[in-house]
Amino acid sequence: MPKIVLSFIISVFVAQTASGTSLPNSKQTVLGLYLTATETDEFLEATPSALFIDVRTPQEVDKTGLAAGIDAFIPLTLANNSGKSKLNQQFFPGMSALLQKRSINPDHPIVFICRSGNRSAVAVNLLAANGFRNVYTVTDGYEGDRAKSGPTKGQRTVNGWLNAGLEWQKRVATSCAEPALGGEC
């Protein structure tokens, strides 16, 4: 991992810890702009120009579909041969292509969603480091958090886009453009 990227990630985690929000550190962002899945649905309806980007893996999208209204699918991470996640090398080129194609400026509203709110927070921080100021993370993500107790303990049944009953489509990752080309769906 390049030294600059590693330094940025460390500084993001330090900033997240100092923010004081009730969210876990892994879901906090340097911008502090948070939406739940339900709030995201309302925000997108009230702000139709907002860009809505899914940053989950292709396998996650293939398994569970896409939220209605997704503008693009650009995975933040991909699994390597050993099953560990690594930064998707197409994430930055894809984001650049999408932002240029749509003439998006640093004040334009952008919303990132992932499975449970961790990777979307990282995506927000990466855009913030590049001057974007109006970027939100969906804190409970598409599938939601894992139940800590009860009959569904360990399952993603607590919150999230799917558990809120919000509109979604059964689609596969390849139904969107190549990530490096902007991932438009």
N, C-alpha and C. Protein backbone atom coordinates (compact mmCIF):
# COMPACT_ATOMS: atom_id res chain seq x y z
N MET A 1 0.86 -1.18 0.00
CA MET A 1 0.00 0.00 0.00
C MET A 1 0.90 1.23 0.00
N PRO A 2 0.66 2.19 -0.90
CA PRO A 2 1.50 3.39 -0.95
C PRO A 2 1.49 4.12 0.39
N LYS A 3 2.66 4.71 0.72
CA LYS A 3 2.82 5.40 2.01
C LYS A 3 1.80 6.52 2.19
N ILE A 4 1.47 7.26 1.13
CA ILE A 4 0.51 8.37 1.21
C ILE A 4 -0.87 7.84 1.58
N VAL A 5 -1.31 6.75 0.94
CA VAL A 5 -2.62 6.17 1.23
C VAL A 5 -2.66 5.69 2.67
N LEU A 6 -1.61 5.01 3.12
CA LEU A 6 -1.55 4.52 4.50
C LEU A 6 -1.60 5.68 5.49
N SER A 7 -0.86 6.74 5.23
CA SER A 7 -0.88 7.92 6.10
C SER A 7 -2.26 8.53 6.16
N PHE A 8 -2.92 8.60 5.00
CA PHE A 8 -4.27 9.17 4.98
C PHE A 8 -5.23 8.32 5.80
N ILE A 9 -5.17 7.00 5.64
CA ILE A 9 -6.06 6.11 6.37
C ILE A 9 -5.84 6.27 7.87
N ILE A 10 -4.60 6.34 8.30
CA ILE A 10 -4.31 6.53 9.74
C ILE A 10 -4.88 7.85 10.21
N SER A 11 -4.70 8.93 9.45
CA SER A 11 -5.22 10.24 9.87
C SER A 11 -6.74 10.25 9.91
N VAL A 12 -7.38 9.50 9.01
CA VAL A 12 -8.84 9.41 9.02
C VAL A 12 -9.31 8.73 10.30
N PHE A 13 -8.65 7.63 10.68
CA PHE A 13 -9.07 6.92 11.88
C PHE A 13 -8.85 7.77 13.13
N VAL A 14 -7.78 8.55 13.17
CA VAL A 14 -7.55 9.45 14.30
C VAL A 14 -8.64 10.52 14.34
N ALA A 15 -8.98 11.09 13.20
CA ALA A 15 -10.03 12.11 13.14
C ALA A 15 -11.37 11.51 13.53
N GLN A 16 -11.63 10.29 13.11
CA GLN A 16 -12.89 9.66 13.45
C GLN A 16 -13.01 9.47 14.96
N THR A 17 -11.96 9.04 15.60
CA THR A 17 -11.98 8.81 17.03
C THR A 17 -12.26 10.10 17.79
N ALA A 18 -11.78 11.22 17.28
CA ALA A 18 -11.95 12.49 17.97
C ALA A 18 -13.29 13.16 17.72
N SER A 19 -14.10 12.62 16.83
CA SER A 19 -15.32 13.32 16.43
C SER A 19 -16.43 13.29 17.47
N GLY A 20 -16.45 12.31 18.36
CA GLY A 20 -17.42 12.29 19.44
C GLY A 20 -18.81 11.80 19.07
N THR A 21 -19.04 11.30 17.89
CA THR A 21 -20.36 10.80 17.52
C THR A 21 -20.60 9.44 18.16
N SER A 22 -21.86 9.03 18.23
CA SER A 22 -22.19 7.75 18.85
C SER A 22 -21.99 6.58 17.89
N LEU A 23 -21.64 6.85 16.67
CA LEU A 23 -21.35 5.79 15.71
C LEU A 23 -20.02 5.13 16.05
N PRO A 24 -19.87 3.85 15.71
CA PRO A 24 -18.55 3.22 15.87
C PRO A 24 -17.52 4.00 15.04
N ASN A 25 -16.29 3.97 15.47
CA ASN A 25 -15.23 4.70 14.75
C ASN A 25 -15.19 4.35 13.27
N SER A 26 -15.43 3.09 12.94
CA SER A 26 -15.34 2.65 11.54
C SER A 26 -16.41 3.26 10.65
N LYS A 27 -17.45 3.85 11.24
CA LYS A 27 -18.54 4.45 10.45
C LYS A 27 -18.50 5.98 10.47
N GLN A 28 -17.55 6.54 11.17
CA GLN A 28 -17.46 7.99 11.25
C GLN A 28 -16.64 8.56 10.10
N THR A 29 -16.96 9.80 9.74
CA THR A 29 -16.24 10.45 8.65
C THR A 29 -15.72 11.80 9.09
N VAL A 30 -14.75 12.32 8.36
CA VAL A 30 -14.19 13.63 8.67
C VAL A 30 -15.20 14.74 8.39
N LEU A 31 -16.17 14.49 7.52
CA LEU A 31 -17.18 15.50 7.21
C LEU A 31 -18.35 15.48 8.18
N GLY A 32 -18.60 14.35 8.83
CA GLY A 32 -19.70 14.24 9.79
C GLY A 32 -21.08 14.33 9.17
N LEU A 33 -21.22 13.90 7.92
CA LEU A 33 -22.52 13.93 7.23
C LEU A 33 -23.06 12.50 7.16
N TYR A 34 -24.09 12.23 7.97
CA TYR A 34 -24.60 10.88 8.13
C TYR A 34 -26.08 10.80 7.79
N LEU A 35 -26.47 9.70 7.15
CA LEU A 35 -27.86 9.41 6.87
C LEU A 35 -28.11 7.94 7.16
N THR A 36 -29.27 7.62 7.72
CA THR A 36 -29.68 6.22 7.80
C THR A 36 -30.25 5.86 6.43
N ALA A 37 -30.53 4.59 6.22
CA ALA A 37 -31.11 4.17 4.94
C ALA A 37 -32.43 4.90 4.69
N THR A 38 -33.28 4.96 5.71
CA THR A 38 -34.57 5.63 5.57
C THR A 38 -34.39 7.12 5.26
N GLU A 39 -33.46 7.76 5.97
CA GLU A 39 -33.18 9.18 5.70
C GLU A 39 -32.62 9.37 4.30
N THR A 40 -31.83 8.41 3.83
CA THR A 40 -31.27 8.49 2.48
C THR A 40 -32.37 8.49 1.44
N ASP A 41 -33.33 7.60 1.60
CA ASP A 41 -34.46 7.54 0.67
C ASP A 41 -35.18 8.89 0.62
N GLU A 42 -35.42 9.49 1.77
CA GLU A 42 -36.08 10.80 1.85
C GLU A 42 -35.19 11.90 1.27
N PHE A 43 -33.88 11.85 1.57
CA PHE A 43 -32.93 12.84 1.07
C PHE A 43 -32.87 12.80 -0.45
N LEU A 44 -32.80 11.60 -1.02
CA LEU A 44 -32.72 11.47 -2.48
C LEU A 44 -34.00 11.95 -3.16
N GLU A 45 -35.12 11.74 -2.51
CA GLU A 45 -36.39 12.24 -3.07
C GLU A 45 -36.41 13.77 -3.04
N ALA A 46 -35.91 14.35 -1.96
CA ALA A 46 -35.89 15.81 -1.81
C ALA A 46 -34.75 16.47 -2.60
N THR A 47 -33.72 15.69 -2.93
CA THR A 47 -32.54 16.21 -3.62
C THR A 47 -32.24 15.33 -4.83
N PRO A 48 -33.08 15.41 -5.87
CA PRO A 48 -32.91 14.49 -7.01
C PRO A 48 -31.59 14.64 -7.76
N SER A 49 -30.89 15.75 -7.59
CA SER A 49 -29.60 15.92 -8.26
C SER A 49 -28.47 15.20 -7.53
N ALA A 50 -28.71 14.75 -6.30
CA ALA A 50 -27.67 14.05 -5.54
C ALA A 50 -27.22 12.80 -6.27
N LEU A 51 -25.96 12.50 -6.15
CA LEU A 51 -25.37 11.31 -6.76
C LEU A 51 -25.39 10.20 -5.71
N PHE A 52 -25.92 9.03 -6.04
CA PHE A 52 -26.05 7.90 -5.13
C PHE A 52 -25.18 6.76 -5.65
N ILE A 53 -24.13 6.40 -4.90
CA ILE A 53 -23.12 5.45 -5.38
C ILE A 53 -22.99 4.27 -4.42
N ASP A 54 -23.06 3.08 -4.97
CA ASP A 54 -22.88 1.84 -4.21
C ASP A 54 -21.41 1.44 -4.30
N VAL A 55 -20.76 1.18 -3.14
CA VAL A 55 -19.35 0.83 -3.13
C VAL A 55 -19.10 -0.60 -2.63
N ARG A 56 -20.16 -1.44 -2.64
CA ARG A 56 -19.99 -2.83 -2.21
C ARG A 56 -19.21 -3.63 -3.24
N THR A 57 -18.93 -4.88 -2.92
CA THR A 57 -18.22 -5.75 -3.87
C THR A 57 -19.21 -6.28 -4.91
N PRO A 58 -18.70 -6.71 -6.06
CA PRO A 58 -19.59 -7.30 -7.07
C PRO A 58 -20.36 -8.52 -6.51
N GLN A 59 -19.71 -9.31 -5.67
CA GLN A 59 -20.37 -10.48 -5.08
C GLN A 59 -21.56 -10.08 -4.22
N GLU A 60 -21.42 -8.99 -3.46
CA GLU A 60 -22.52 -8.51 -2.62
C GLU A 60 -23.70 -8.05 -3.47
N VAL A 61 -23.40 -7.31 -4.53
CA VAL A 61 -24.46 -6.83 -5.42
C VAL A 61 -25.15 -8.01 -6.10
N ASP A 62 -24.36 -8.96 -6.58
CA ASP A 62 -24.95 -10.13 -7.25
C ASP A 62 -25.87 -10.90 -6.31
N LYS A 63 -25.54 -10.95 -5.04
CA LYS A 63 -26.32 -11.70 -4.06
C LYS A 63 -27.60 -10.97 -3.62
N THR A 64 -27.52 -9.63 -3.48
CA THR A 64 -28.64 -8.90 -2.85
C THR A 64 -29.23 -7.78 -3.70
N GLY A 65 -28.73 -7.53 -4.90
CA GLY A 65 -29.30 -6.49 -5.74
C GLY A 65 -28.82 -5.10 -5.41
N LEU A 66 -29.49 -4.12 -5.99
CA LEU A 66 -29.12 -2.71 -5.83
C LEU A 66 -30.30 -1.90 -5.31
N ALA A 67 -30.01 -0.90 -4.50
CA ALA A 67 -31.04 0.02 -4.04
C ALA A 67 -31.61 0.76 -5.24
N ALA A 68 -32.89 1.03 -5.21
CA ALA A 68 -33.51 1.84 -6.27
C ALA A 68 -32.86 3.22 -6.25
N GLY A 69 -32.62 3.74 -7.42
CA GLY A 69 -32.06 5.09 -7.51
C GLY A 69 -30.55 5.15 -7.54
N ILE A 70 -29.87 4.01 -7.49
CA ILE A 70 -28.41 4.01 -7.55
C ILE A 70 -27.98 4.60 -8.90
N ASP A 71 -27.07 5.56 -8.84
CA ASP A 71 -26.54 6.15 -10.07
C ASP A 71 -25.35 5.37 -10.61
N ALA A 72 -24.54 4.81 -9.68
CA ALA A 72 -23.34 4.11 -10.12
C ALA A 72 -22.94 3.06 -9.10
N PHE A 73 -22.24 2.05 -9.59
CA PHE A 73 -21.67 0.99 -8.76
C PHE A 73 -20.18 1.00 -9.00
N ILE A 74 -19.42 1.44 -7.98
CA ILE A 74 -17.96 1.49 -8.06
C ILE A 74 -17.42 0.88 -6.77
N PRO A 75 -17.04 -0.41 -6.79
CA PRO A 75 -16.57 -1.05 -5.56
C PRO A 75 -15.35 -0.35 -4.97
N LEU A 76 -15.38 -0.14 -3.66
CA LEU A 76 -14.22 0.44 -2.98
C LEU A 76 -13.14 -0.61 -2.79
N THR A 77 -13.56 -1.83 -2.46
CA THR A 77 -12.59 -2.90 -2.23
C THR A 77 -12.99 -4.13 -3.05
N LEU A 78 -12.01 -4.99 -3.24
CA LEU A 78 -12.21 -6.27 -3.90
C LEU A 78 -11.47 -7.32 -3.08
N ALA A 79 -11.93 -8.56 -3.14
CA ALA A 79 -11.23 -9.64 -2.46
C ALA A 79 -10.05 -10.09 -3.31
N ASN A 80 -8.89 -10.29 -2.64
CA ASN A 80 -7.74 -10.81 -3.39
C ASN A 80 -7.78 -12.33 -3.36
N ASN A 81 -6.76 -12.98 -3.86
CA ASN A 81 -6.75 -14.44 -3.96
C ASN A 81 -6.88 -15.15 -2.61
N SER A 82 -6.44 -14.51 -1.54
CA SER A 82 -6.53 -15.14 -0.22
C SER A 82 -7.83 -14.79 0.50
N GLY A 83 -8.73 -14.07 -0.18
CA GLY A 83 -10.01 -13.71 0.42
C GLY A 83 -9.97 -12.43 1.23
N LYS A 84 -8.83 -11.80 1.35
CA LYS A 84 -8.71 -10.53 2.09
C LYS A 84 -9.08 -9.38 1.16
N SER A 85 -9.62 -8.32 1.75
CA SER A 85 -10.01 -7.15 0.96
C SER A 85 -8.81 -6.27 0.67
N LYS A 86 -8.83 -5.68 -0.50
CA LYS A 86 -7.82 -4.70 -0.88
C LYS A 86 -8.52 -3.59 -1.63
N LEU A 87 -7.93 -2.42 -1.64
CA LEU A 87 -8.49 -1.28 -2.35
C LEU A 87 -8.61 -1.61 -3.83
N ASN A 88 -9.77 -1.35 -4.40
CA ASN A 88 -10.02 -1.55 -5.82
C ASN A 88 -9.25 -0.48 -6.60
N GLN A 89 -8.34 -0.90 -7.43
CA GLN A 89 -7.53 0.05 -8.20
C GLN A 89 -8.35 0.85 -9.21
N GLN A 90 -9.58 0.42 -9.48
CA GLN A 90 -10.45 1.15 -10.40
C GLN A 90 -11.33 2.17 -9.67
N PHE A 91 -11.27 2.21 -8.32
CA PHE A 91 -12.14 3.12 -7.59
C PHE A 91 -11.86 4.58 -7.96
N PHE A 92 -10.62 5.02 -7.87
CA PHE A 92 -10.31 6.42 -8.18
C PHE A 92 -10.55 6.77 -9.64
N PRO A 93 -10.09 5.95 -10.60
CA PRO A 93 -10.40 6.27 -12.00
C PRO A 93 -11.91 6.28 -12.27
N GLY A 94 -12.63 5.35 -11.65
CA GLY A 94 -14.08 5.31 -11.84
C GLY A 94 -14.77 6.53 -11.27
N MET A 95 -14.37 6.91 -10.06
CA MET A 95 -14.96 8.11 -9.46
C MET A 95 -14.65 9.34 -10.31
N SER A 96 -13.41 9.45 -10.76
CA SER A 96 -13.02 10.60 -11.60
C SER A 96 -13.85 10.64 -12.87
N ALA A 97 -14.01 9.49 -13.52
CA ALA A 97 -14.78 9.43 -14.77
C ALA A 97 -16.23 9.84 -14.53
N LEU A 98 -16.83 9.32 -13.45
CA LEU A 98 -18.22 9.65 -13.15
C LEU A 98 -18.39 11.13 -12.82
N LEU A 99 -17.50 11.66 -11.99
CA LEU A 99 -17.61 13.06 -11.59
C LEU A 99 -17.41 13.99 -12.78
N GLN A 100 -16.47 13.66 -13.66
CA GLN A 100 -16.24 14.48 -14.85
C GLN A 100 -17.43 14.39 -15.80
N LYS A 101 -17.92 13.18 -16.02
CA LYS A 101 -19.03 12.98 -16.94
C LYS A 101 -20.27 13.75 -16.49
N ARG A 102 -20.49 13.80 -15.19
CA ARG A 102 -21.67 14.47 -14.63
C ARG A 102 -21.41 15.93 -14.24
N SER A 103 -20.20 16.43 -14.50
CA SER A 103 -19.81 17.80 -14.13
C SER A 103 -20.09 18.08 -12.65
N ILE A 104 -19.65 17.16 -11.80
CA ILE A 104 -19.87 17.27 -10.36
C ILE A 104 -18.78 18.13 -9.75
N ASN A 105 -19.18 19.14 -8.99
CA ASN A 105 -18.22 20.01 -8.30
C ASN A 105 -18.10 19.59 -6.83
N PRO A 106 -17.13 20.11 -6.10
CA PRO A 106 -16.90 19.69 -4.72
C PRO A 106 -18.05 19.97 -3.75
N ASP A 107 -19.00 20.81 -4.12
CA ASP A 107 -20.14 21.09 -3.23
C ASP A 107 -21.39 20.27 -3.58
N HIS A 108 -21.32 19.48 -4.63
CA HIS A 108 -22.46 18.69 -5.06
C HIS A 108 -22.75 17.58 -4.05
N PRO A 109 -24.02 17.32 -3.72
CA PRO A 109 -24.32 16.24 -2.78
C PRO A 109 -24.07 14.85 -3.39
N ILE A 110 -23.31 14.05 -2.64
CA ILE A 110 -22.99 12.68 -3.03
C ILE A 110 -23.28 11.80 -1.83
N VAL A 111 -23.89 10.64 -2.07
CA VAL A 111 -24.21 9.69 -1.01
C VAL A 111 -23.60 8.34 -1.37
N PHE A 112 -22.81 7.78 -0.43
CA PHE A 112 -22.23 6.46 -0.60
C PHE A 112 -22.96 5.45 0.27
N ILE A 113 -23.17 4.25 -0.28
CA ILE A 113 -23.75 3.15 0.48
C ILE A 113 -22.89 1.90 0.27
N CYS A 114 -22.74 1.13 1.34
CA CYS A 114 -22.06 -0.17 1.27
C CYS A 114 -22.95 -1.18 2.00
N ARG A 115 -22.40 -2.27 2.45
CA ARG A 115 -23.20 -3.28 3.12
C ARG A 115 -23.71 -2.81 4.47
N SER A 116 -22.81 -2.21 5.31
CA SER A 116 -23.22 -1.85 6.67
C SER A 116 -22.73 -0.50 7.14
N GLY A 117 -22.10 0.28 6.30
CA GLY A 117 -21.70 1.64 6.66
C GLY A 117 -20.23 1.86 6.90
N ASN A 118 -19.41 0.85 6.84
CA ASN A 118 -17.97 1.03 7.07
C ASN A 118 -17.23 1.50 5.82
N ARG A 119 -17.38 0.78 4.71
CA ARG A 119 -16.67 1.17 3.48
C ARG A 119 -17.20 2.47 2.91
N SER A 120 -18.49 2.74 3.09
CA SER A 120 -19.02 4.01 2.60
C SER A 120 -18.39 5.17 3.37
N ALA A 121 -18.09 4.98 4.65
CA ALA A 121 -17.40 6.02 5.42
C ALA A 121 -16.00 6.25 4.88
N VAL A 122 -15.30 5.18 4.53
CA VAL A 122 -13.96 5.31 3.94
C VAL A 122 -14.05 6.06 2.61
N ALA A 123 -15.06 5.73 1.79
CA ALA A 123 -15.23 6.41 0.50
C ALA A 123 -15.48 7.91 0.70
N VAL A 124 -16.29 8.26 1.70
CA VAL A 124 -16.52 9.67 2.02
C VAL A 124 -15.19 10.34 2.35
N ASN A 125 -14.41 9.71 3.21
CA ASN A 125 -13.13 10.30 3.63
C ASN A 125 -12.16 10.46 2.46
N LEU A 126 -12.18 9.53 1.52
CA LEU A 126 -11.32 9.65 0.35
C LEU A 126 -11.73 10.84 -0.52
N LEU A 127 -13.03 11.04 -0.70
CA LEU A 127 -13.48 12.20 -1.47
C LEU A 127 -13.22 13.50 -0.71
N ALA A 128 -13.42 13.48 0.60
CA ALA A 128 -13.15 14.67 1.42
C ALA A 128 -11.68 15.08 1.31
N ALA A 129 -10.79 14.10 1.26
CA ALA A 129 -9.36 14.39 1.13
C ALA A 129 -9.04 15.02 -0.23
N ASN A 130 -9.96 14.90 -1.16
CA ASN A 130 -9.79 15.50 -2.48
C ASN A 130 -10.65 16.75 -2.66
N GLY A 131 -11.10 17.34 -1.55
CA GLY A 131 -11.78 18.63 -1.59
C GLY A 131 -13.29 18.61 -1.64
N PHE A 132 -13.90 17.43 -1.65
CA PHE A 132 -15.36 17.37 -1.68
C PHE A 132 -15.90 17.61 -0.27
N ARG A 133 -16.98 18.41 -0.17
CA ARG A 133 -17.46 18.86 1.13
C ARG A 133 -18.90 18.46 1.47
N ASN A 134 -19.59 17.84 0.54
CA ASN A 134 -21.01 17.53 0.74
C ASN A 134 -21.27 16.05 0.46
N VAL A 135 -20.49 15.20 1.14
CA VAL A 135 -20.53 13.76 0.87
C VAL A 135 -21.02 13.03 2.12
N TYR A 136 -22.04 12.20 1.94
CA TYR A 136 -22.71 11.50 3.03
C TYR A 136 -22.40 10.01 2.99
N THR A 137 -22.48 9.39 4.17
CA THR A 137 -22.41 7.94 4.27
C THR A 137 -23.75 7.43 4.81
N VAL A 138 -24.20 6.31 4.28
CA VAL A 138 -25.40 5.65 4.80
C VAL A 138 -24.91 4.77 5.95
N THR A 139 -25.17 5.19 7.18
CA THR A 139 -24.58 4.57 8.36
C THR A 139 -24.99 3.13 8.60
N ASP A 140 -26.16 2.74 8.14
CA ASP A 140 -26.61 1.36 8.35
C ASP A 140 -26.54 0.54 7.06
N GLY A 141 -26.13 1.15 5.98
CA GLY A 141 -25.85 0.44 4.74
C GLY A 141 -27.05 -0.23 4.09
N TYR A 142 -26.73 -1.09 3.15
CA TYR A 142 -27.74 -1.78 2.36
C TYR A 142 -28.32 -2.99 3.10
N GLU A 143 -27.46 -3.77 3.73
CA GLU A 143 -27.93 -4.96 4.45
C GLU A 143 -28.12 -4.73 5.94
N GLY A 144 -27.53 -3.68 6.49
CA GLY A 144 -27.69 -3.37 7.90
C GLY A 144 -26.64 -4.01 8.79
N ASP A 145 -26.81 -3.78 10.09
CA ASP A 145 -25.90 -4.31 11.09
C ASP A 145 -26.35 -5.69 11.55
N ARG A 146 -25.43 -6.40 12.18
CA ARG A 146 -25.73 -7.72 12.72
C ARG A 146 -26.45 -7.60 14.06
N ALA A 147 -27.45 -8.44 14.28
CA ALA A 147 -28.15 -8.48 15.57
C ALA A 147 -27.17 -9.00 16.62
N LYS A 148 -27.17 -8.35 17.78
CA LYS A 148 -26.25 -8.74 18.85
C LYS A 148 -26.83 -9.82 19.76
N SER A 149 -28.15 -10.02 19.69
CA SER A 149 -28.78 -11.04 20.52
C SER A 149 -30.09 -11.48 19.86
N GLY A 150 -30.75 -12.42 20.49
CA GLY A 150 -32.04 -12.88 19.99
C GLY A 150 -31.93 -13.96 18.94
N PRO A 151 -33.05 -14.33 18.35
CA PRO A 151 -33.08 -15.44 17.39
C PRO A 151 -32.31 -15.18 16.10
N THR A 152 -32.06 -13.91 15.79
CA THR A 152 -31.32 -13.59 14.57
C THR A 152 -29.90 -13.11 14.88
N LYS A 153 -29.40 -13.44 16.06
CA LYS A 153 -28.06 -13.03 16.46
C LYS A 153 -27.05 -13.36 15.36
N GLY A 154 -26.23 -12.37 15.02
CA GLY A 154 -25.20 -12.56 14.00
C GLY A 154 -25.67 -12.32 12.58
N GLN A 155 -26.96 -12.18 12.39
CA GLN A 155 -27.49 -11.93 11.05
C GLN A 155 -27.73 -10.43 10.86
N ARG A 156 -27.70 -9.98 9.63
CA ARG A 156 -27.90 -8.56 9.32
C ARG A 156 -29.40 -8.26 9.26
N THR A 157 -30.00 -8.11 10.44
CA THR A 157 -31.44 -7.89 10.54
C THR A 157 -31.81 -6.63 11.31
N VAL A 158 -30.83 -5.84 11.72
CA VAL A 158 -31.09 -4.72 12.62
C VAL A 158 -31.63 -3.48 11.90
N ASN A 159 -31.06 -3.10 10.80
CA ASN A 159 -31.42 -1.86 10.11
C ASN A 159 -30.99 -2.01 8.65
N GLY A 160 -30.77 -0.93 7.96
CA GLY A 160 -30.29 -1.00 6.59
C GLY A 160 -31.41 -0.89 5.57
N TRP A 161 -31.01 -0.68 4.33
CA TRP A 161 -31.94 -0.46 3.21
C TRP A 161 -32.94 -1.60 3.07
N LEU A 162 -32.44 -2.83 3.02
CA LEU A 162 -33.33 -3.97 2.83
C LEU A 162 -34.28 -4.16 4.01
N ASN A 163 -33.76 -4.08 5.23
CA ASN A 163 -34.59 -4.29 6.42
C ASN A 163 -35.61 -3.18 6.65
N ALA A 164 -35.37 -2.01 6.07
CA ALA A 164 -36.32 -0.89 6.17
C ALA A 164 -37.44 -1.05 5.14
N GLY A 165 -37.32 -2.04 4.27
CA GLY A 165 -38.35 -2.27 3.25
C GLY A 165 -38.31 -1.25 2.13
N LEU A 166 -37.15 -0.64 1.91
CA LEU A 166 -37.03 0.36 0.84
C LEU A 166 -36.90 -0.34 -0.51
N GLU A 167 -37.23 0.39 -1.55
CA GLU A 167 -37.25 -0.19 -2.90
C GLU A 167 -35.85 -0.60 -3.35
N TRP A 168 -35.78 -1.78 -3.96
CA TRP A 168 -34.53 -2.28 -4.50
C TRP A 168 -34.83 -3.10 -5.75
N GLN A 169 -33.77 -3.41 -6.49
CA GLN A 169 -33.92 -4.17 -7.73
C GLN A 169 -32.97 -5.35 -7.71
N LYS A 170 -33.45 -6.50 -8.17
CA LYS A 170 -32.59 -7.67 -8.30
C LYS A 170 -31.76 -7.48 -9.57
N ARG A 171 -30.54 -7.03 -9.37
CA ARG A 171 -29.63 -6.80 -10.48
C ARG A 171 -28.27 -7.35 -10.12
N VAL A 172 -27.46 -7.58 -11.12
CA VAL A 172 -26.09 -8.04 -10.89
C VAL A 172 -25.13 -6.89 -11.20
N ALA A 173 -23.92 -7.03 -10.68
CA ALA A 173 -22.92 -5.97 -10.83
C ALA A 173 -22.65 -5.64 -12.29
N THR A 174 -22.66 -6.65 -13.15
CA THR A 174 -22.35 -6.42 -14.57
C THR A 174 -23.47 -5.68 -15.31
N SER A 175 -24.59 -5.43 -14.64
CA SER A 175 -25.65 -4.64 -15.28
C SER A 175 -25.32 -3.15 -15.28
N CYS A 176 -24.27 -2.78 -14.56
CA CYS A 176 -23.78 -1.39 -14.53
C CYS A 176 -22.53 -1.32 -15.40
N ALA A 177 -22.16 -0.11 -15.79
CA ALA A 177 -20.96 0.09 -16.60
C ALA A 177 -19.73 -0.35 -15.81
N GLU A 178 -18.66 -0.61 -16.50
CA GLU A 178 -17.38 -0.96 -15.85
C GLU A 178 -17.03 0.10 -14.82
N PRO A 179 -16.59 -0.31 -13.60
CA PRO A 179 -16.24 0.67 -12.57
C PRO A 179 -15.25 1.74 -13.04
N ALA A 180 -14.23 1.35 -13.78
CA ALA A 180 -13.23 2.32 -14.23
C ALA A 180 -13.80 3.37 -15.17
N LEU A 181 -14.95 3.07 -15.77
CA LEU A 181 -15.59 4.00 -16.69
C LEU A 181 -16.69 4.83 -16.00
N GLY A 182 -16.80 4.71 -14.69
CA GLY A 182 -17.77 5.48 -13.95
C GLY A 182 -18.91 4.67 -13.37
N GLY A 183 -19.00 3.39 -13.71
CA GLY A 183 -19.95 2.48 -13.09
C GLY A 183 -21.41 2.83 -13.17
N GLU A 184 -21.81 3.65 -14.14
CA GLU A 184 -23.21 4.08 -14.19
C GLU A 184 -24.15 2.90 -14.37
N CYS A 185 -25.27 2.97 -13.64
CA CYS A 185 -26.26 1.89 -13.68
C CYS A 185 -27.50 2.33 -14.45
